[in-house]
Amino acid sequence: MVIQELGWDNDTDDELRVAIEDRIDSDMVDGDYGNVVDAVLLWWREDDGDLVDGLVDALTDLVGGGAIWLLTPKVGRPGSVDPADIAEAAPIAGLAQTTTAAVSKDWSATRLVAPKTPA
């Protein structure tokens, strides 16, 4: 499994990153990877810009059926993103929100996927 990591910065959760890399038994790739990926891990903070643009950019290398895991600081933490903003941005970017979970002390993850189209 190839996971692309976007939005990494000094505030990201290194324990979570290591756990993911241990799970996939590989390093995550960055935005310069240049090939298709199975999933995208997108670290996003309130001041990172337009969330719709960030999600659309994250779709660039994502293979059909893949997911974007949007990691945002938990509510009340610096840089937190209002859950309503995520709910509004996802469909504009062509994505559906499926799951939200606390994944570390400071970060929440929201799983976003392209909606299934009828065959």
PDB file of N, CA and C in Angstrom:
ATOM      1  N   MET A   1       0.850  -1.178   0.000  1.00  0.00           N
ATOM      2  CA  MET A   1       0.000   0.000   0.000  1.00  0.00           C
ATOM      3  C   MET A   1       0.892   1.236   0.000  1.00  0.00           C
ATOM      4  N   VAL A   2       0.565   2.180  -0.861  1.00  0.00           N
ATOM      5  CA  VAL A   2       1.319   3.428  -0.945  1.00  0.00           C
ATOM      6  C   VAL A   2       0.448   4.544  -0.386  1.00  0.00           C
ATOM      7  N   ILE A   3       0.964   5.216   0.639  1.00  0.00           N
ATOM      8  CA  ILE A   3       0.244   6.340   1.244  1.00  0.00           C
ATOM      9  C   ILE A   3       1.052   7.604   1.029  1.00  0.00           C
ATOM     10  N   GLN A   4       0.377   8.612   0.496  1.00  0.00           N
ATOM     11  CA  GLN A   4       0.997   9.910   0.260  1.00  0.00           C
ATOM     12  C   GLN A   4       0.668  10.817   1.447  1.00  0.00           C
ATOM     13  N   GLU A   5       1.685  11.474   1.966  1.00  0.00           N
ATOM     14  CA  GLU A   5       1.504  12.387   3.090  1.00  0.00           C
ATOM     15  C   GLU A   5       1.685  13.820   2.603  1.00  0.00           C
ATOM     16  N   LEU A   6       0.662  14.634   2.836  1.00  0.00           N
ATOM     17  CA  LEU A   6       0.698  16.033   2.443  1.00  0.00           C
ATOM     18  C   LEU A   6       0.435  16.907   3.675  1.00  0.00           C
ATOM     19  N   GLY A   7       1.036  18.082   3.713  1.00  0.00           N
ATOM     20  CA  GLY A   7       0.784  19.019   4.801  1.00  0.00           C
ATOM     21  C   GLY A   7       1.585  18.774   6.055  1.00  0.00           C
ATOM     22  N   TRP A   8       2.626  17.931   5.948  1.00  0.00           N
ATOM     23  CA  TRP A   8       3.460  17.668   7.118  1.00  0.00           C
ATOM     24  C   TRP A   8       4.095  18.974   7.596  1.00  0.00           C
ATOM     25  N   ASP A   9       4.202  19.123   8.913  1.00  0.00           N
ATOM     26  CA  ASP A   9       4.878  20.268   9.506  1.00  0.00           C
ATOM     27  C   ASP A   9       5.365  19.851  10.890  1.00  0.00           C
ATOM     28  N   ASN A  10       5.988  20.779  11.591  1.00  0.00           N
ATOM     29  CA  ASN A  10       6.550  20.472  12.907  1.00  0.00           C
ATOM     30  C   ASN A  10       5.503  20.083  13.938  1.00  0.00           C
ATOM     31  N   ASP A  11       4.240  20.409  13.700  1.00  0.00           N
ATOM     32  CA  ASP A  11       3.193  20.111  14.679  1.00  0.00           C
ATOM     33  C   ASP A  11       2.509  18.763  14.455  1.00  0.00           C
ATOM     34  N   THR A  12       2.870  18.039  13.412  1.00  0.00           N
ATOM     35  CA  THR A  12       2.221  16.757  13.155  1.00  0.00           C
ATOM     36  C   THR A  12       2.613  15.748  14.224  1.00  0.00           C
ATOM     37  N   ASP A  13       1.823  14.718  14.347  1.00  0.00           N
ATOM     38  CA  ASP A  13       2.018  13.703  15.384  1.00  0.00           C
ATOM     39  C   ASP A  13       2.963  12.614  14.872  1.00  0.00           C
ATOM     40  N   ASP A  14       4.211  12.664  15.336  1.00  0.00           N
ATOM     41  CA  ASP A  14       5.208  11.701  14.861  1.00  0.00           C
ATOM     42  C   ASP A  14       4.883  10.267  15.269  1.00  0.00           C
ATOM     43  N   GLU A  15       4.294  10.076  16.443  1.00  0.00           N
ATOM     44  CA  GLU A  15       3.928   8.716  16.863  1.00  0.00           C
ATOM     45  C   GLU A  15       2.897   8.114  15.913  1.00  0.00           C
ATOM     46  N   LEU A  16       1.940   8.922  15.505  1.00  0.00           N
ATOM     47  CA  LEU A  16       0.936   8.457  14.553  1.00  0.00           C
ATOM     48  C   LEU A  16       1.576   8.140  13.207  1.00  0.00           C
ATOM     49  N   ARG A  17       2.468   9.002  12.760  1.00  0.00           N
ATOM     50  CA  ARG A  17       3.154   8.785  11.484  1.00  0.00           C
ATOM     51  C   ARG A  17       3.934   7.461  11.505  1.00  0.00           C
ATOM     52  N   VAL A  18       4.669   7.215  12.590  1.00  0.00           N
ATOM     53  CA  VAL A  18       5.458   5.981  12.717  1.00  0.00           C
ATOM     54  C   VAL A  18       4.531   4.770  12.751  1.00  0.00           C
ATOM     55  N   ALA A  19       3.416   4.883  13.462  1.00  0.00           N
ATOM     56  CA  ALA A  19       2.469   3.765  13.535  1.00  0.00           C
ATOM     57  C   ALA A  19       1.915   3.426  12.147  1.00  0.00           C
ATOM     58  N   ILE A  20       1.625   4.447  11.358  1.00  0.00           N
ATOM     59  CA  ILE A  20       1.121   4.212   9.999  1.00  0.00           C
ATOM     60  C   ILE A  20       2.197   3.546   9.151  1.00  0.00           C
ATOM     61  N   GLU A  21       3.418   4.064   9.209  1.00  0.00           N
ATOM     62  CA  GLU A  21       4.505   3.472   8.418  1.00  0.00           C
ATOM     63  C   GLU A  21       4.807   2.048   8.862  1.00  0.00           C
ATOM     64  N   ASP A  22       4.694   1.769  10.153  1.00  0.00           N
ATOM     65  CA  ASP A  22       4.868   0.395  10.627  1.00  0.00           C
ATOM     66  C   ASP A  22       3.768  -0.502  10.071  1.00  0.00           C
ATOM     67  N   ARG A  23       2.566   0.024  10.042  1.00  0.00           N
ATOM     68  CA  ARG A  23       1.419  -0.756   9.574  1.00  0.00           C
ATOM     69  C   ARG A  23       1.533  -1.102   8.082  1.00  0.00           C
ATOM     70  N   ILE A  24       1.996  -0.139   7.277  1.00  0.00           N
ATOM     71  CA  ILE A  24       2.119  -0.397   5.835  1.00  0.00           C
ATOM     72  C   ILE A  24       3.488  -0.979   5.474  1.00  0.00           C
ATOM     73  N   ASP A  25       4.368  -1.075   6.475  1.00  0.00           N
ATOM     74  CA  ASP A  25       5.710  -1.625   6.299  1.00  0.00           C
ATOM     75  C   ASP A  25       6.484  -0.891   5.201  1.00  0.00           C
ATOM     76  N   SER A  26       6.346   0.452   5.208  1.00  0.00           N
ATOM     77  CA  SER A  26       7.001   1.286   4.207  1.00  0.00           C
ATOM     78  C   SER A  26       6.940   2.733   4.668  1.00  0.00           C
ATOM     79  N   ASP A  27       7.765   3.574   4.058  1.00  0.00           N
ATOM     80  CA  ASP A  27       7.676   5.005   4.312  1.00  0.00           C
ATOM     81  C   ASP A  27       6.527   5.582   3.495  1.00  0.00           C
ATOM     82  N   MET A  28       5.904   6.638   4.021  1.00  0.00           N
ATOM     83  CA  MET A  28       4.918   7.347   3.229  1.00  0.00           C
ATOM     84  C   MET A  28       5.664   8.174   2.184  1.00  0.00           C
ATOM     85  N   VAL A  29       4.998   8.465   1.078  1.00  0.00           N
ATOM     86  CA  VAL A  29       5.599   9.261   0.007  1.00  0.00           C
ATOM     87  C   VAL A  29       5.077  10.690   0.103  1.00  0.00           C
ATOM     88  N   ASP A  30       5.792  11.619  -0.522  1.00  0.00           N
ATOM     89  CA  ASP A  30       5.366  13.020  -0.468  1.00  0.00           C
ATOM     90  C   ASP A  30       4.680  13.435  -1.765  1.00  0.00           C
ATOM     91  N   GLY A  31       4.418  14.714  -1.898  1.00  0.00           N
ATOM     92  CA  GLY A  31       3.700  15.223  -3.058  1.00  0.00           C
ATOM     93  C   GLY A  31       4.462  15.125  -4.359  1.00  0.00           C
ATOM     94  N   ASP A  32       5.767  14.873  -4.298  1.00  0.00           N
ATOM     95  CA  ASP A  32       6.584  14.755  -5.503  1.00  0.00           C
ATOM     96  C   ASP A  32       6.683  13.314  -6.007  1.00  0.00           C
ATOM     97  N   TYR A  33       5.927  12.404  -5.414  1.00  0.00           N
ATOM     98  CA  TYR A  33       6.018  10.980  -5.737  1.00  0.00           C
ATOM     99  C   TYR A  33       5.819  10.704  -7.220  1.00  0.00           C
ATOM    100  N   GLY A  34       4.801  11.309  -7.840  1.00  0.00           N
ATOM    101  CA  GLY A  34       4.621  11.186  -9.280  1.00  0.00           C
ATOM    102  C   GLY A  34       3.999   9.904  -9.770  1.00  0.00           C
ATOM    103  N   ASN A  35       3.359   9.153  -8.900  1.00  0.00           N
ATOM    104  CA  ASN A  35       2.685   7.929  -9.306  1.00  0.00           C
ATOM    105  C   ASN A  35       1.390   7.831  -8.519  1.00  0.00           C
ATOM    106  N   VAL A  36       0.555   6.839  -8.821  1.00  0.00           N
ATOM    107  CA  VAL A  36      -0.700   6.712  -8.096  1.00  0.00           C
ATOM    108  C   VAL A  36      -0.455   6.204  -6.675  1.00  0.00           C
ATOM    109  N   VAL A  37      -1.349   6.614  -5.774  1.00  0.00           N
ATOM    110  CA  VAL A  37      -1.269   6.198  -4.379  1.00  0.00           C
ATOM    111  C   VAL A  37      -2.615   5.607  -3.962  1.00  0.00           C
ATOM    112  N   ASP A  38      -2.570   4.758  -2.941  1.00  0.00           N
ATOM    113  CA  ASP A  38      -3.783   4.090  -2.454  1.00  0.00           C
ATOM    114  C   ASP A  38      -4.576   4.952  -1.479  1.00  0.00           C
ATOM    115  N   ALA A  39      -3.886   5.842  -0.783  1.00  0.00           N
ATOM    116  CA  ALA A  39      -4.533   6.717   0.193  1.00  0.00           C
ATOM    117  C   ALA A  39      -3.677   7.963   0.365  1.00  0.00           C
ATOM    118  N   VAL A  40      -4.330   9.027   0.838  1.00  0.00           N
ATOM    119  CA  VAL A  40      -3.631  10.274   1.111  1.00  0.00           C
ATOM    120  C   VAL A  40      -3.881  10.649   2.567  1.00  0.00           C
ATOM    121  N   LEU A  41      -2.813  10.972   3.254  1.00  0.00           N
ATOM    122  CA  LEU A  41      -2.879  11.493   4.611  1.00  0.00           C
ATOM    123  C   LEU A  41      -2.632  12.992   4.498  1.00  0.00           C
ATOM    124  N   LEU A  42      -3.677  13.790   4.737  1.00  0.00           N
ATOM    125  CA  LEU A  42      -3.599  15.231   4.551  1.00  0.00           C
ATOM    126  C   LEU A  42      -3.705  15.935   5.899  1.00  0.00           C
ATOM    127  N   TRP A  43      -2.585  16.481   6.375  1.00  0.00           N
ATOM    128  CA  TRP A  43      -2.577  17.283   7.598  1.00  0.00           C
ATOM    129  C   TRP A  43      -3.087  18.668   7.225  1.00  0.00           C
ATOM    130  N   TRP A  44      -4.110  19.160   7.921  1.00  0.00           N
ATOM    131  CA  TRP A  44      -4.708  20.442   7.555  1.00  0.00           C
ATOM    132  C   TRP A  44      -5.043  21.251   8.805  1.00  0.00           C
ATOM    133  N   ARG A  45      -4.672  22.529   8.741  1.00  0.00           N
ATOM    134  CA  ARG A  45      -4.959  23.453   9.832  1.00  0.00           C
ATOM    135  C   ARG A  45      -5.799  24.601   9.303  1.00  0.00           C
ATOM    136  N   GLU A  46      -6.492  25.283  10.181  1.00  0.00           N
ATOM    137  CA  GLU A  46      -7.405  26.347   9.793  1.00  0.00           C
ATOM    138  C   GLU A  46      -6.747  27.388   8.888  1.00  0.00           C
ATOM    139  N   ASP A  47      -5.479  27.707   9.143  1.00  0.00           N
ATOM    140  CA  ASP A  47      -4.810  28.756   8.371  1.00  0.00           C
ATOM    141  C   ASP A  47      -4.040  28.233   7.158  1.00  0.00           C
ATOM    142  N   ASP A  48      -4.309  26.990   6.740  1.00  0.00           N
ATOM    143  CA  ASP A  48      -3.612  26.412   5.584  1.00  0.00           C
ATOM    144  C   ASP A  48      -4.196  26.845   4.242  1.00  0.00           C
ATOM    145  N   GLY A  49      -5.253  27.615   4.267  1.00  0.00           N
ATOM    146  CA  GLY A  49      -5.846  28.081   3.011  1.00  0.00           C
ATOM    147  C   GLY A  49      -7.223  27.508   2.802  1.00  0.00           C
ATOM    148  N   ASP A  50      -7.623  27.431   1.537  1.00  0.00           N
ATOM    149  CA  ASP A  50      -8.950  26.952   1.180  1.00  0.00           C
ATOM    150  C   ASP A  50      -8.984  25.423   1.222  1.00  0.00           C
ATOM    151  N   LEU A  51      -9.840  24.882   2.071  1.00  0.00           N
ATOM    152  CA  LEU A  51      -9.904  23.432   2.246  1.00  0.00           C
ATOM    153  C   LEU A  51     -10.336  22.720   0.970  1.00  0.00           C
ATOM    154  N   VAL A  52     -11.269  23.294   0.229  1.00  0.00           N
ATOM    155  CA  VAL A  52     -11.705  22.660  -1.036  1.00  0.00           C
ATOM    156  C   VAL A  52     -10.500  22.506  -1.967  1.00  0.00           C
ATOM    157  N   ASP A  53      -9.715  23.569  -2.109  1.00  0.00           N
ATOM    158  CA  ASP A  53      -8.522  23.497  -2.961  1.00  0.00           C
ATOM    159  C   ASP A  53      -7.560  22.424  -2.451  1.00  0.00           C
ATOM    160  N   GLY A  54      -7.368  22.348  -1.148  1.00  0.00           N
ATOM    161  CA  GLY A  54      -6.480  21.338  -0.570  1.00  0.00           C
ATOM    162  C   GLY A  54      -6.954  19.929  -0.852  1.00  0.00           C
ATOM    163  N   LEU A  55      -8.263  19.711  -0.756  1.00  0.00           N
ATOM    164  CA  LEU A  55      -8.811  18.379  -1.031  1.00  0.00           C
ATOM    165  C   LEU A  55      -8.699  18.022  -2.508  1.00  0.00           C
ATOM    166  N   VAL A  56      -8.983  18.975  -3.379  1.00  0.00           N
ATOM    167  CA  VAL A  56      -8.861  18.724  -4.820  1.00  0.00           C
ATOM    168  C   VAL A  56      -7.408  18.398  -5.167  1.00  0.00           C
ATOM    169  N   ASP A  57      -6.471  19.145  -4.605  1.00  0.00           N
ATOM    170  CA  ASP A  57      -5.050  18.861  -4.840  1.00  0.00           C
ATOM    171  C   ASP A  57      -4.677  17.474  -4.331  1.00  0.00           C
ATOM    172  N   ALA A  58      -5.265  17.059  -3.210  1.00  0.00           N
ATOM    173  CA  ALA A  58      -4.954  15.748  -2.628  1.00  0.00           C
ATOM    174  C   ALA A  58      -5.461  14.613  -3.509  1.00  0.00           C
ATOM    175  N   LEU A  59      -6.419  14.889  -4.363  1.00  0.00           N
ATOM    176  CA  LEU A  59      -6.964  13.870  -5.266  1.00  0.00           C
ATOM    177  C   LEU A  59      -6.058  13.577  -6.459  1.00  0.00           C
ATOM    178  N   THR A  60      -5.070  14.423  -6.699  1.00  0.00           N
ATOM    179  CA  THR A  60      -4.245  14.340  -7.909  1.00  0.00           C
ATOM    180  C   THR A  60      -3.682  12.949  -8.171  1.00  0.00           C
ATOM    181  N   ASP A  61      -3.077  12.320  -7.170  1.00  0.00           N
ATOM    182  CA  ASP A  61      -2.425  11.023  -7.369  1.00  0.00           C
ATOM    183  C   ASP A  61      -3.228   9.850  -6.826  1.00  0.00           C
ATOM    184  N   LEU A  62      -4.402  10.125  -6.270  1.00  0.00           N
ATOM    185  CA  LEU A  62      -5.190   9.080  -5.610  1.00  0.00           C
ATOM    186  C   LEU A  62      -5.841   8.156  -6.627  1.00  0.00           C
ATOM    187  N   VAL A  63      -5.628   6.867  -6.453  1.00  0.00           N
ATOM    188  CA  VAL A  63      -6.215   5.858  -7.327  1.00  0.00           C
ATOM    189  C   VAL A  63      -7.706   5.748  -7.017  1.00  0.00           C
ATOM    190  N   GLY A  64      -8.500   5.377  -8.022  1.00  0.00           N
ATOM    191  CA  GLY A  64      -9.934   5.176  -7.810  1.00  0.00           C
ATOM    192  C   GLY A  64     -10.184   4.210  -6.671  1.00  0.00           C
ATOM    193  N   GLY A  65     -11.115   4.557  -5.804  1.00  0.00           N
ATOM    194  CA  GLY A  65     -11.412   3.706  -4.650  1.00  0.00           C
ATOM    195  C   GLY A  65     -10.558   4.034  -3.446  1.00  0.00           C
ATOM    196  N   GLY A  66      -9.591   4.931  -3.612  1.00  0.00           N
ATOM    197  CA  GLY A  66      -8.742   5.320  -2.489  1.00  0.00           C
ATOM    198  C   GLY A  66      -9.442   6.333  -1.606  1.00  0.00           C
ATOM    199  N   ALA A  67      -8.838   6.597  -0.454  1.00  0.00           N
ATOM    200  CA  ALA A  67      -9.425   7.520   0.513  1.00  0.00           C
ATOM    201  C   ALA A  67      -8.428   8.610   0.887  1.00  0.00           C
ATOM    202  N   ILE A  68      -8.979   9.748   1.254  1.00  0.00           N
ATOM    203  CA  ILE A  68      -8.187  10.813   1.856  1.00  0.00           C
ATOM    204  C   ILE A  68      -8.494  10.797   3.347  1.00  0.00           C
ATOM    205  N   TRP A  69      -7.457  10.716   4.150  1.00  0.00           N
ATOM    206  CA  TRP A  69      -7.606  10.865   5.590  1.00  0.00           C
ATOM    207  C   TRP A  69      -7.193  12.288   5.916  1.00  0.00           C
ATOM    208  N   LEU A  70      -8.179  13.119   6.231  1.00  0.00           N
ATOM    209  CA  LEU A  70      -7.957  14.519   6.559  1.00  0.00           C
ATOM    210  C   LEU A  70      -7.700  14.625   8.055  1.00  0.00           C
ATOM    211  N   LEU A  71      -6.461  14.981   8.419  1.00  0.00           N
ATOM    212  CA  LEU A  71      -6.104  15.132   9.826  1.00  0.00           C
ATOM    213  C   LEU A  71      -6.119  16.603  10.199  1.00  0.00           C
ATOM    214  N   THR A  72      -6.911  16.933  11.205  1.00  0.00           N
ATOM    215  CA  THR A  72      -7.043  18.307  11.662  1.00  0.00           C
ATOM    216  C   THR A  72      -6.845  18.356  13.172  1.00  0.00           C
ATOM    217  N   PRO A  73      -6.318  19.475  13.686  1.00  0.00           N
ATOM    218  CA  PRO A  73      -6.207  19.591  15.145  1.00  0.00           C
ATOM    219  C   PRO A  73      -7.598  19.471  15.772  1.00  0.00           C
ATOM    220  N   LYS A  74      -7.659  18.810  16.930  1.00  0.00           N
ATOM    221  CA  LYS A  74      -8.931  18.655  17.625  1.00  0.00           C
ATOM    222  C   LYS A  74      -9.519  20.019  17.976  1.00  0.00           C
ATOM    223  N   VAL A  75     -10.827  20.065  18.104  1.00  0.00           N
ATOM    224  CA  VAL A  75     -11.529  21.292  18.477  1.00  0.00           C
ATOM    225  C   VAL A  75     -10.929  21.837  19.765  1.00  0.00           C
ATOM    226  N   GLY A  76     -10.660  23.136  19.761  1.00  0.00           N
ATOM    227  CA  GLY A  76     -10.064  23.787  20.929  1.00  0.00           C
ATOM    228  C   GLY A  76      -8.552  23.886  20.854  1.00  0.00           C
ATOM    229  N   ARG A  77      -7.940  23.157  19.934  1.00  0.00           N
ATOM    230  CA  ARG A  77      -6.488  23.226  19.754  1.00  0.00           C
ATOM    231  C   ARG A  77      -6.183  24.298  18.711  1.00  0.00           C
ATOM    232  N   PRO A  78      -4.977  24.892  18.773  1.00  0.00           N
ATOM    233  CA  PRO A  78      -4.608  25.882  17.745  1.00  0.00           C
ATOM    234  C   PRO A  78      -4.702  25.267  16.342  1.00  0.00           C
ATOM    235  N   GLY A  79      -5.313  26.006  15.436  1.00  0.00           N
ATOM    236  CA  GLY A  79      -5.437  25.546  14.052  1.00  0.00           C
ATOM    237  C   GLY A  79      -6.598  24.616  13.798  1.00  0.00           C
ATOM    238  N   SER A  80      -7.460  24.400  14.803  1.00  0.00           N
ATOM    239  CA  SER A  80      -8.573  23.464  14.607  1.00  0.00           C
ATOM    240  C   SER A  80      -9.485  23.939  13.474  1.00  0.00           C
ATOM    241  N   VAL A  81     -10.079  22.973  12.803  1.00  0.00           N
ATOM    242  CA  VAL A  81     -10.969  23.242  11.670  1.00  0.00           C
ATOM    243  C   VAL A  81     -12.383  22.877  12.113  1.00  0.00           C
ATOM    244  N   ASP A  82     -13.308  23.777  11.899  1.00  0.00           N
ATOM    245  CA  ASP A  82     -14.697  23.533  12.268  1.00  0.00           C
ATOM    246  C   ASP A  82     -15.223  22.331  11.481  1.00  0.00           C
ATOM    247  N   PRO A  83     -15.805  21.331  12.167  1.00  0.00           N
ATOM    248  CA  PRO A  83     -16.354  20.174  11.450  1.00  0.00           C
ATOM    249  C   PRO A  83     -17.360  20.561  10.358  1.00  0.00           C
ATOM    250  N   ALA A  84     -18.081  21.670  10.547  1.00  0.00           N
ATOM    251  CA  ALA A  84     -19.019  22.129   9.517  1.00  0.00           C
ATOM    252  C   ALA A  84     -18.276  22.539   8.253  1.00  0.00           C
ATOM    253  N   ASP A  85     -17.049  23.070   8.403  1.00  0.00           N
ATOM    254  CA  ASP A  85     -16.252  23.438   7.230  1.00  0.00           C
ATOM    255  C   ASP A  85     -15.863  22.198   6.432  1.00  0.00           C
ATOM    256  N   ILE A  86     -15.546  21.126   7.137  1.00  0.00           N
ATOM    257  CA  ILE A  86     -15.205  19.869   6.464  1.00  0.00           C
ATOM    258  C   ILE A  86     -16.431  19.325   5.743  1.00  0.00           C
ATOM    259  N   ALA A  87     -17.569  19.329   6.443  1.00  0.00           N
ATOM    260  CA  ALA A  87     -18.814  18.818   5.858  1.00  0.00           C
ATOM    261  C   ALA A  87     -19.218  19.624   4.626  1.00  0.00           C
ATOM    262  N   GLU A  88     -18.901  20.906   4.609  1.00  0.00           N
ATOM    263  CA  GLU A  88     -19.229  21.753   3.460  1.00  0.00           C
ATOM    264  C   GLU A  88     -18.227  21.569   2.320  1.00  0.00           C
ATOM    265  N   ALA A  89     -16.944  21.447   2.642  1.00  0.00           N
ATOM    266  CA  ALA A  89     -15.897  21.373   1.621  1.00  0.00           C
ATOM    267  C   ALA A  89     -15.873  20.027   0.897  1.00  0.00           C
ATOM    268  N   ALA A  90     -16.139  18.945   1.601  1.00  0.00           N
ATOM    269  CA  ALA A  90     -16.016  17.613   1.009  1.00  0.00           C
ATOM    270  C   ALA A  90     -16.849  17.441  -0.257  1.00  0.00           C
ATOM    271  N   PRO A  91     -18.158  17.711  -0.231  1.00  0.00           N
ATOM    272  CA  PRO A  91     -18.938  17.496  -1.465  1.00  0.00           C
ATOM    273  C   PRO A  91     -18.553  18.446  -2.596  1.00  0.00           C
ATOM    274  N   ILE A  92     -18.108  19.643  -2.262  1.00  0.00           N
ATOM    275  CA  ILE A  92     -17.670  20.566  -3.305  1.00  0.00           C
ATOM    276  C   ILE A  92     -16.447  19.984  -4.027  1.00  0.00           C
ATOM    277  N   ALA A  93     -15.590  19.290  -3.268  1.00  0.00           N
ATOM    278  CA  ALA A  93     -14.400  18.654  -3.845  1.00  0.00           C
ATOM    279  C   ALA A  93     -14.726  17.302  -4.486  1.00  0.00           C
ATOM    280  N   GLY A  94     -16.002  16.898  -4.429  1.00  0.00           N
ATOM    281  CA  GLY A  94     -16.399  15.619  -5.022  1.00  0.00           C
ATOM    282  C   GLY A  94     -16.187  14.440  -4.097  1.00  0.00           C
ATOM    283  N   LEU A  95     -16.189  14.686  -2.793  1.00  0.00           N
ATOM    284  CA  LEU A  95     -15.924  13.644  -1.810  1.00  0.00           C
ATOM    285  C   LEU A  95     -17.095  13.490  -0.847  1.00  0.00           C
ATOM    286  N   ALA A  96     -17.177  12.320  -0.234  1.00  0.00           N
ATOM    287  CA  ALA A  96     -18.169  12.061   0.802  1.00  0.00           C
ATOM    288  C   ALA A  96     -17.437  11.746   2.101  1.00  0.00           C
ATOM    289  N   GLN A  97     -17.954  12.285   3.181  1.00  0.00           N
ATOM    290  CA  GLN A  97     -17.370  12.039   4.504  1.00  0.00           C
ATOM    291  C   GLN A  97     -17.934  10.743   5.043  1.00  0.00           C
ATOM    292  N   THR A  98     -17.051   9.834   5.517  1.00  0.00           N
ATOM    293  CA  THR A  98     -17.534   8.548   6.005  1.00  0.00           C
ATOM    294  C   THR A  98     -17.298   8.332   7.491  1.00  0.00           C
ATOM    295  N   THR A  99     -16.146   8.730   8.002  1.00  0.00           N
ATOM    296  CA  THR A  99     -15.766   8.425   9.376  1.00  0.00           C
ATOM    297  C   THR A  99     -14.969   9.580   9.948  1.00  0.00           C
ATOM    298  N   THR A 100     -15.176   9.851  11.215  1.00  0.00           N
ATOM    299  CA  THR A 100     -14.325  10.795  11.936  1.00  0.00           C
ATOM    300  C   THR A 100     -13.939  10.136  13.253  1.00  0.00           C
ATOM    301  N   ALA A 101     -12.651  10.236  13.595  1.00  0.00           N
ATOM    302  CA  ALA A 101     -12.174   9.604  14.822  1.00  0.00           C
ATOM    303  C   ALA A 101     -11.018  10.402  15.414  1.00  0.00           C
ATOM    304  N   ALA A 102     -10.902  10.347  16.722  1.00  0.00           N
ATOM    305  CA  ALA A 102      -9.731  10.913  17.392  1.00  0.00           C
ATOM    306  C   ALA A 102      -8.595   9.913  17.194  1.00  0.00           C
ATOM    307  N   VAL A 103      -7.486  10.367  16.608  1.00  0.00           N
ATOM    308  CA  VAL A 103      -6.397   9.443  16.303  1.00  0.00           C
ATOM    309  C   VAL A 103      -5.157   9.680  17.158  1.00  0.00           C
ATOM    310  N   SER A 104      -5.138  10.790  17.881  1.00  0.00           N
ATOM    311  CA  SER A 104      -4.043  11.052  18.809  1.00  0.00           C
ATOM    312  C   SER A 104      -4.518  12.106  19.802  1.00  0.00           C
ATOM    313  N   LYS A 105      -3.634  12.496  20.687  1.00  0.00           N
ATOM    314  CA  LYS A 105      -3.990  13.476  21.712  1.00  0.00           C
ATOM    315  C   LYS A 105      -4.458  14.794  21.109  1.00  0.00           C
ATOM    316  N   ASP A 106      -3.849  15.218  20.008  1.00  0.00           N
ATOM    317  CA  ASP A 106      -4.135  16.527  19.442  1.00  0.00           C
ATOM    318  C   ASP A 106      -4.813  16.518  18.085  1.00  0.00           C
ATOM    319  N   TRP A 107      -4.957  15.348  17.449  1.00  0.00           N
ATOM    320  CA  TRP A 107      -5.438  15.304  16.065  1.00  0.00           C
ATOM    321  C   TRP A 107      -6.656  14.392  15.911  1.00  0.00           C
ATOM    322  N   SER A 108      -7.557  14.827  15.021  1.00  0.00           N
ATOM    323  CA  SER A 108      -8.707  14.025  14.600  1.00  0.00           C
ATOM    324  C   SER A 108      -8.529  13.693  13.127  1.00  0.00           C
ATOM    325  N   ALA A 109      -9.095  12.580  12.715  1.00  0.00           N
ATOM    326  CA  ALA A 109      -9.018  12.178  11.308  1.00  0.00           C
ATOM    327  C   ALA A 109     -10.423  12.013  10.753  1.00  0.00           C
ATOM    328  N   THR A 110     -10.624  12.516   9.549  1.00  0.00           N
ATOM    329  CA  THR A 110     -11.880  12.359   8.838  1.00  0.00           C
ATOM    330  C   THR A 110     -11.581  11.635   7.534  1.00  0.00           C
ATOM    331  N   ARG A 111     -12.263  10.527   7.313  1.00  0.00           N
ATOM    332  CA  ARG A 111     -12.067   9.750   6.086  1.00  0.00           C
ATOM    333  C   ARG A 111     -13.008  10.275   5.013  1.00  0.00           C
ATOM    334  N   LEU A 112     -12.432  10.611   3.869  1.00  0.00           N
ATOM    335  CA  LEU A 112     -13.187  11.142   2.743  1.00  0.00           C
ATOM    336  C   LEU A 112     -12.962  10.250   1.529  1.00  0.00           C
ATOM    337  N   VAL A 113     -14.023   9.920   0.831  1.00  0.00           N
ATOM    338  CA  VAL A 113     -13.929   9.057  -0.350  1.00  0.00           C
ATOM    339  C   VAL A 113     -14.766   9.648  -1.473  1.00  0.00           C
ATOM    340  N   ALA A 114     -14.441   9.261  -2.687  1.00  0.00           N
ATOM    341  CA  ALA A 114     -15.281   9.639  -3.818  1.00  0.00           C
ATOM    342  C   ALA A 114     -16.562   8.834  -3.713  1.00  0.00           C
ATOM    343  N   PRO A 115     -17.720   9.481  -3.852  1.00  0.00           N
ATOM    344  CA  PRO A 115     -18.977   8.734  -3.750  1.00  0.00           C
ATOM    345  C   PRO A 115     -19.048   7.628  -4.791  1.00  0.00           C
ATOM    346  N   LYS A 116     -19.645   6.531  -4.398  1.00  0.00           N
ATOM    347  CA  LYS A 116     -19.825   5.422  -5.330  1.00  0.00           C
ATOM    348  C   LYS A 116     -20.849   5.829  -6.385  1.00  0.00           C
ATOM    349  N   THR A 117     -20.524   5.497  -7.633  1.00  0.00           N
ATOM    350  CA  THR A 117     -21.455   5.808  -8.707  1.00  0.00           C
ATOM    351  C   THR A 117     -22.154   4.526  -9.119  1.00  0.00           C
ATOM    352  N   PRO A 118     -23.422   4.599  -9.447  1.00  0.00           N
ATOM    353  CA  PRO A 118     -24.138   3.379  -9.862  1.00  0.00           C
ATOM    354  C   PRO A 118     -23.519   2.793 -11.138  1.00  0.00           C
ATOM    355  N   ALA A 119     -23.458   1.475 -11.180  1.00  0.00           N
ATOM    356  CA  ALA A 119     -22.866   0.798 -12.346  1.00  0.00           C
ATOM    357  C   ALA A 119     -23.793   0.797 -13.510  1.00  0.00           C
TER     358      ALA A 119
END
